[in-house]
Amino acid sequence: MTPPAFPTADIELIRSELARAKPHITTMNFIVWIDRESNRDWVIQRAVKISEKHPSRTIILDASPGRVGAHVRPLDPNDPTHQSTFIDIGVADIAPRDACELATSLEAPDVLTVLCWSAESLGEDTAFRCFFEHGSRPVAVVDSSLGVRDATTILELAQFYKDHSDVSLRDLAWMRLHLWQDIIAHFFDDPALREELFSIQKLRIVAGSDAEALYLGGWLASRLGWSAKGHDEFADRNGHRIAFEHERGGQARRVYSVALTTASSVYQGSVDEGDASVVRVWVEGANARPVRLVPVGAIDTASLVERAALEDGGTDEIFETALRMVQTLIDG
């Protein structure tokens, strides 16, 4: 039976319950923000997977309507040797800043803090920015295509990073792109085709969410020395215009197709319409190649979050460059 919840605002009662727990090693504070009942179970399941592998003080802040009160328990009540503590706090009845301050006051000292932001918005009216005030610098793990298909969240993220460039930032929307980055790189793995890289005239991407399309375009631009010059427009190193077309289509949070047009050829990859587990890759034009099939591996969100949380160093430089281009590509 689940014990009665403590009042959310009774910080001393929560601390007293924490003090009753058996002392154990804690390697990180893992703070998870939720704002919708519909994805609570999904988010918590993934938080638990990470906490099972890495001893942590896991603090769930649930701002879903009607969520109030706090519970403190071992991560696995049936395993007294388990090293992680689980604090589940409903914060629907308190201000976002108060929720942030409550969580930071419960952190275990002298260990890494990871903020996993599972909400659509991270604008100035949310608790997100509060976590980075007063010198606090947790690792921030966000997903700019979690609940939206448009560019709303990625624009807020770009603005946040403009103001807080010293934050270690990870975006799951970016981390999902490895397959497509490999596909594009392999288009030009023949040394005889290297010059084609410098004659690209148009880039077209179809993705279920704008964030993935923008990031993939920004990644290619960063690799080739392009700059963002305006709305959906790049320029290469010589100042030549490169049109950037991106269309929303296919499954959310997934890239569906990519096409790079040069002066002589079109290099293409597209998820197979009959089998979503493979991508068809081919080239038309002077450098034509027959279709080959590339398998699409399953994307494990828990593994992505784990890798993002524990990745060494600050913000990835290539990701940072792509993110900085976003505002120009959208707003011009």
Protein backbone atom coordinates (compact mmCIF):
# COMPACT_ATOMS: atom_id res chain seq x y z
CA MET A 1 0.00 0.00 0.00
CA THR A 2 1.30 3.46 -0.89
CA PRO A 3 1.70 5.62 2.24
CA PRO A 4 -0.10 8.98 2.42
CA ALA A 5 1.57 11.82 0.59
CA PHE A 6 3.37 14.58 2.46
CA PRO A 7 2.30 18.16 1.76
CA THR A 8 4.36 19.41 -1.17
CA ALA A 9 5.51 22.52 0.65
CA ASP A 10 6.60 20.70 3.86
CA ILE A 11 10.29 20.53 3.02
CA GLU A 12 11.32 19.50 6.52
CA LEU A 13 8.97 16.51 6.51
CA ILE A 14 10.39 15.41 3.16
CA ARG A 15 13.93 15.79 4.48
CA SER A 16 13.06 13.81 7.60
CA GLU A 17 11.81 10.96 5.45
CA LEU A 18 15.01 11.10 3.41
CA ALA A 19 17.06 10.96 6.62
CA ARG A 20 15.30 7.73 7.59
CA ALA A 21 16.57 5.98 4.49
CA LYS A 22 19.57 3.70 4.71
CA PRO A 23 22.78 5.62 3.84
CA HIS A 24 24.07 4.79 0.37
CA ILE A 25 26.29 6.05 -2.41
CA THR A 26 24.74 8.64 -4.72
CA THR A 27 26.41 9.44 -8.04
CA MET A 28 23.98 12.07 -9.27
CA ASN A 29 20.83 14.05 -8.70
CA PHE A 30 18.38 13.20 -11.46
CA ILE A 31 15.61 15.82 -11.65
CA VAL A 32 12.74 15.10 -14.04
CA TRP A 33 10.06 17.67 -14.92
CA ILE A 34 6.68 16.46 -16.18
CA ASP A 35 3.73 18.66 -17.16
CA ARG A 36 1.22 16.22 -18.68
CA GLU A 37 -0.53 13.22 -17.16
CA SER A 38 -0.56 11.54 -20.57
CA ASN A 39 3.19 10.99 -20.66
CA ARG A 40 3.84 10.54 -16.90
CA ASP A 41 4.14 6.74 -16.94
CA TRP A 42 6.32 6.80 -20.07
CA VAL A 43 8.71 9.35 -18.57
CA ILE A 44 8.90 7.70 -15.16
CA GLN A 45 9.61 4.27 -16.66
CA ARG A 46 12.63 5.72 -18.43
CA ALA A 47 13.79 7.61 -15.36
CA VAL A 48 13.61 4.40 -13.34
CA LYS A 49 15.71 2.52 -15.92
CA ILE A 50 18.47 5.09 -15.57
CA SER A 51 18.26 5.19 -11.76
CA GLU A 52 18.47 1.41 -11.62
CA LYS A 53 21.86 1.53 -13.33
CA HIS A 54 23.25 4.67 -11.70
CA PRO A 55 22.75 5.26 -7.96
CA SER A 56 20.92 8.54 -7.78
CA ARG A 57 18.56 10.79 -5.92
CA THR A 58 15.73 10.90 -8.43
CA ILE A 59 13.37 13.85 -8.00
CA ILE A 60 10.19 13.82 -10.09
CA LEU A 61 8.48 17.22 -10.35
CA ASP A 62 5.00 16.64 -11.76
CA ALA A 63 3.15 19.80 -12.77
CA SER A 64 0.25 17.90 -14.35
CA PRO A 65 -3.14 19.34 -13.34
CA GLY A 66 -4.23 18.00 -9.96
CA ARG A 67 -0.85 16.50 -9.01
CA VAL A 68 -0.02 17.53 -5.41
CA GLY A 69 1.76 16.03 -2.45
CA ALA A 70 5.10 14.24 -2.12
CA HIS A 71 6.21 10.62 -1.70
CA VAL A 72 9.69 9.46 -0.69
CA ARG A 73 10.71 5.84 -1.12
CA PRO A 74 13.56 3.60 -2.24
CA LEU A 75 13.57 3.13 -5.99
CA ASP A 76 12.75 -0.54 -5.41
CA PRO A 77 10.94 -1.04 -2.08
CA ASN A 78 11.45 -4.81 -2.42
CA ASP A 79 15.22 -4.48 -2.67
CA PRO A 80 16.67 -2.85 0.48
CA THR A 81 20.18 -2.94 -1.03
CA HIS A 82 19.23 -0.67 -3.93
CA GLN A 83 21.20 2.56 -3.96
CA SER A 84 18.70 5.01 -5.48
CA THR A 85 16.11 7.13 -3.72
CA PHE A 86 12.90 8.17 -5.49
CA ILE A 87 11.11 11.42 -4.58
CA ASP A 88 7.83 12.02 -6.42
CA ILE A 89 6.46 15.54 -5.90
CA GLY A 90 3.23 16.96 -7.33
CA VAL A 91 3.83 20.67 -7.95
CA ALA A 92 0.60 21.67 -9.70
CA ASP A 93 -0.38 23.89 -6.78
CA ILE A 94 2.84 25.90 -6.45
CA ALA A 95 4.60 28.45 -8.65
CA PRO A 96 7.21 27.15 -11.12
CA ARG A 97 10.03 29.00 -9.36
CA ASP A 98 8.98 27.53 -6.00
CA ALA A 99 9.01 24.05 -7.54
CA CYS A 100 12.53 24.62 -8.84
CA GLU A 101 13.76 25.88 -5.48
CA LEU A 102 12.12 22.91 -3.72
CA ALA A 103 13.98 20.46 -5.95
CA THR A 104 17.35 22.17 -5.65
CA SER A 105 17.01 22.22 -1.84
CA LEU A 106 16.60 18.43 -1.89
CA GLU A 107 19.67 17.69 -4.02
CA ALA A 108 22.41 15.48 -2.61
CA PRO A 109 25.53 17.64 -2.24
CA ASP A 110 28.76 17.40 -4.24
CA VAL A 111 27.48 15.20 -7.07
CA LEU A 112 26.43 15.81 -10.66
CA THR A 113 22.92 17.16 -11.22
CA VAL A 114 21.04 16.26 -14.40
CA LEU A 115 17.81 18.05 -15.33
CA CYS A 116 15.65 16.01 -17.69
CA TRP A 117 13.03 18.43 -19.01
CA SER A 118 10.02 16.46 -20.31
CA ALA A 119 7.81 19.39 -21.25
CA GLU A 120 7.03 21.18 -24.50
CA SER A 121 7.96 24.67 -23.34
CA LEU A 122 11.14 25.90 -21.69
CA GLY A 123 10.45 29.59 -22.04
CA GLU A 124 10.98 32.31 -19.46
CA ASP A 125 7.63 31.65 -17.76
CA THR A 126 8.58 28.05 -16.91
CA ALA A 127 10.72 26.64 -14.12
CA PHE A 128 13.41 25.60 -16.60
CA ARG A 129 15.53 28.73 -16.38
CA CYS A 130 15.37 28.85 -12.61
CA PHE A 131 17.58 25.77 -12.45
CA PHE A 132 20.45 27.73 -13.99
CA GLU A 133 20.38 30.76 -11.75
CA HIS A 134 22.77 31.62 -8.91
CA GLY A 135 25.70 29.74 -10.45
CA SER A 136 23.94 26.38 -10.61
CA ARG A 137 24.91 24.46 -13.75
CA PRO A 138 23.14 21.12 -14.08
CA VAL A 139 23.44 19.12 -17.28
CA ALA A 140 20.27 19.93 -19.24
CA VAL A 141 18.63 17.14 -21.24
CA VAL A 142 15.72 18.31 -23.39
CA ASP A 143 13.72 16.97 -26.33
CA SER A 144 12.73 19.78 -28.66
CA SER A 145 10.33 17.55 -30.60
CA LEU A 146 8.80 15.71 -27.64
CA GLY A 147 5.28 17.10 -27.87
CA VAL A 148 5.39 19.45 -30.85
CA ARG A 149 5.97 19.07 -34.57
CA ASP A 150 6.67 22.75 -35.22
CA ALA A 151 9.75 24.77 -34.26
CA THR A 152 8.34 26.34 -31.08
CA THR A 153 10.51 24.44 -28.59
CA ILE A 154 13.73 24.48 -30.59
CA LEU A 155 13.43 28.26 -30.97
CA GLU A 156 13.06 28.61 -27.20
CA LEU A 157 16.09 26.36 -26.78
CA ALA A 158 18.15 28.43 -29.20
CA GLN A 159 17.27 31.61 -27.30
CA PHE A 160 18.06 29.96 -23.97
CA TYR A 161 21.48 28.84 -25.18
CA LYS A 162 22.19 32.30 -26.54
CA ASP A 163 21.74 33.59 -22.97
CA HIS A 164 23.38 30.60 -21.22
CA SER A 165 26.18 29.36 -23.46
CA ASP A 166 28.06 27.91 -20.48
CA VAL A 167 25.36 25.27 -19.82
CA SER A 168 26.06 21.65 -20.76
CA LEU A 169 23.13 21.09 -23.10
CA ARG A 170 21.84 17.92 -24.76
CA ASP A 171 18.84 17.59 -27.10
CA LEU A 172 17.41 14.14 -27.86
CA ALA A 173 16.12 15.47 -31.21
CA TRP A 174 19.75 15.99 -32.22
CA MET A 175 20.91 12.64 -30.88
CA ARG A 176 18.38 10.75 -33.01
CA LEU A 177 20.11 11.84 -36.23
CA HIS A 178 23.16 9.56 -36.29
CA LEU A 179 21.75 7.25 -38.96
CA TRP A 180 21.00 10.10 -41.36
CA GLN A 181 24.33 11.76 -40.72
CA ASP A 182 26.02 8.49 -41.71
CA ILE A 183 23.85 8.16 -44.82
CA ILE A 184 24.76 11.66 -46.02
CA ALA A 185 28.46 11.14 -45.28
CA HIS A 186 28.49 7.87 -47.25
CA PHE A 187 27.08 9.60 -50.33
CA PHE A 188 30.50 11.13 -50.77
CA ASP A 189 32.84 8.46 -49.39
CA ASP A 190 34.28 7.94 -52.87
CA PRO A 191 37.24 10.38 -53.15
CA ALA A 192 36.23 11.05 -56.76
CA LEU A 193 32.98 12.58 -55.49
CA ARG A 194 34.46 14.94 -52.90
CA GLU A 195 34.10 17.91 -55.25
CA GLU A 196 30.34 17.22 -55.31
CA LEU A 197 30.23 18.37 -51.70
CA PHE A 198 31.12 21.85 -52.87
CA SER A 199 28.54 22.03 -55.66
CA ILE A 200 25.40 21.39 -53.58
CA GLN A 201 22.62 23.72 -54.69
CA LYS A 202 19.65 22.52 -52.67
CA LEU A 203 18.97 20.50 -49.54
CA ARG A 204 15.52 19.03 -48.99
CA ILE A 205 14.48 17.16 -45.82
CA VAL A 206 11.12 15.62 -44.90
CA ALA A 207 10.73 14.91 -41.18
CA GLY A 208 7.89 14.33 -38.76
CA SER A 209 9.05 17.25 -36.60
CA ASP A 210 10.77 20.49 -37.58
CA ALA A 211 13.54 20.11 -34.99
CA GLU A 212 15.08 17.06 -36.66
CA ALA A 213 15.01 18.71 -40.10
CA LEU A 214 16.59 21.91 -38.80
CA TYR A 215 19.27 20.05 -36.88
CA LEU A 216 20.16 17.81 -39.82
CA GLY A 217 20.45 20.84 -42.09
CA GLY A 218 22.55 22.62 -39.48
CA TRP A 219 24.79 19.59 -39.06
CA LEU A 220 25.55 19.41 -42.80
CA ALA A 221 26.16 23.15 -42.88
CA SER A 222 28.63 22.90 -39.98
CA ARG A 223 30.55 20.12 -41.74
CA LEU A 224 30.84 22.01 -45.03
CA GLY A 225 31.49 25.49 -43.70
CA TRP A 226 28.12 26.91 -44.73
CA SER A 227 26.46 29.77 -42.89
CA ALA A 228 22.77 30.47 -42.29
CA LYS A 229 21.88 33.61 -44.26
CA GLY A 230 18.12 33.91 -43.91
CA HIS A 231 14.84 32.05 -43.87
CA ASP A 232 15.54 28.52 -45.17
CA GLU A 233 18.74 29.65 -46.84
CA PHE A 234 22.41 28.76 -46.47
CA ALA A 235 25.46 30.14 -48.22
CA ASP A 236 28.58 28.11 -48.93
CA ARG A 237 32.14 29.26 -48.34
CA ASN A 238 32.14 31.14 -51.62
CA GLY A 239 28.88 32.93 -50.88
CA HIS A 240 26.78 30.81 -53.25
CA ARG A 241 23.15 30.43 -52.17
CA ILE A 242 21.93 26.99 -51.12
CA ALA A 243 18.16 26.57 -50.81
CA PHE A 244 16.96 24.65 -47.78
CA GLU A 245 13.54 23.05 -48.10
CA HIS A 246 12.02 21.15 -45.20
CA GLU A 247 8.58 19.63 -45.08
CA ARG A 248 6.67 18.00 -42.23
CA GLY A 249 5.74 14.42 -43.02
CA GLY A 250 5.99 10.91 -41.65
CA GLN A 251 6.26 9.83 -38.02
CA ALA A 252 6.91 12.47 -35.34
CA ARG A 253 10.51 12.76 -34.17
CA ARG A 254 11.81 10.89 -37.22
CA VAL A 255 13.46 11.92 -40.48
CA TYR A 256 11.60 10.47 -43.48
CA SER A 257 13.73 11.52 -46.45
CA VAL A 258 16.75 13.58 -47.53
CA ALA A 259 17.74 14.85 -50.99
CA LEU A 260 20.89 16.78 -51.90
CA THR A 261 20.92 18.33 -55.36
CA THR A 262 24.22 19.23 -57.01
CA ALA A 263 24.97 20.54 -60.48
CA SER A 264 25.08 16.99 -61.84
CA SER A 265 23.21 14.61 -59.51
CA VAL A 266 20.59 14.13 -56.82
CA TYR A 267 21.63 12.11 -53.75
CA GLN A 268 18.62 10.65 -51.96
CA GLY A 269 17.58 8.59 -48.97
CA SER A 270 14.01 7.73 -47.99
CA VAL A 271 12.33 5.43 -45.49
CA ASP A 272 10.90 2.53 -47.48
CA GLU A 273 7.13 2.90 -47.84
CA GLY A 274 6.56 -0.82 -47.41
CA ASP A 275 9.08 -1.46 -44.63
CA ALA A 276 9.83 1.31 -42.14
CA SER A 277 12.78 -0.69 -40.77
CA VAL A 278 14.95 0.22 -43.78
CA VAL A 279 16.01 3.35 -45.65
CA ARG A 280 16.37 3.24 -49.45
CA VAL A 281 19.50 5.12 -50.59
CA TRP A 282 20.29 5.93 -54.24
CA VAL A 283 21.71 8.56 -56.61
CA GLU A 284 20.21 9.90 -59.84
CA GLY A 285 22.03 11.81 -62.57
CA ALA A 286 25.64 11.77 -63.72
CA ASN A 287 26.81 9.89 -60.62
CA ALA A 288 23.87 7.48 -60.54
CA ARG A 289 23.99 4.57 -58.12
CA PRO A 290 21.48 1.73 -57.69
CA VAL A 291 19.27 1.51 -54.63
CA ARG A 292 20.82 0.04 -51.50
CA LEU A 293 19.03 -0.67 -48.25
CA VAL A 294 20.21 0.62 -44.87
CA PRO A 295 18.63 -0.88 -41.73
CA VAL A 296 16.98 1.47 -39.24
CA GLY A 297 17.80 0.49 -35.67
CA ALA A 298 15.27 0.95 -32.90
CA ILE A 299 15.75 4.19 -30.96
CA ASP A 300 15.75 3.53 -27.22
CA THR A 301 14.85 6.82 -25.54
CA ALA A 302 16.07 5.65 -22.12
CA SER A 303 19.48 4.87 -23.60
CA LEU A 304 19.59 8.26 -25.30
CA VAL A 305 18.77 10.02 -22.02
CA GLU A 306 21.38 7.95 -20.19
CA ARG A 307 24.05 8.78 -22.76
CA ALA A 308 23.07 12.45 -22.72
CA ALA A 309 23.13 12.65 -18.94
CA LEU A 310 26.50 10.97 -18.46
CA GLU A 311 28.35 12.21 -21.52
CA ASP A 312 31.58 13.89 -20.52
CA GLY A 313 32.34 17.52 -21.30
CA GLY A 314 30.21 20.51 -22.13
CA THR A 315 27.96 21.13 -25.11
CA ASP A 316 28.98 19.38 -28.33
CA GLU A 317 30.56 21.98 -30.63
CA ILE A 318 28.85 20.73 -33.80
CA PHE A 319 25.46 20.62 -32.06
CA GLU A 320 26.08 24.12 -30.74
CA THR A 321 26.82 25.43 -34.25
CA ALA A 322 23.65 23.84 -35.64
CA LEU A 323 21.54 25.24 -32.80
CA ARG A 324 22.90 28.74 -33.34
CA MET A 325 21.76 28.60 -36.98
CA VAL A 326 18.17 27.70 -36.10
CA GLN A 327 16.85 31.18 -35.37
CA THR A 328 18.20 32.57 -38.65
CA LEU A 329 16.83 29.65 -40.67
CA ILE A 330 13.35 30.16 -39.21
CA ASP A 331 13.06 33.90 -38.72
CA GLY A 332 15.45 35.10 -41.39
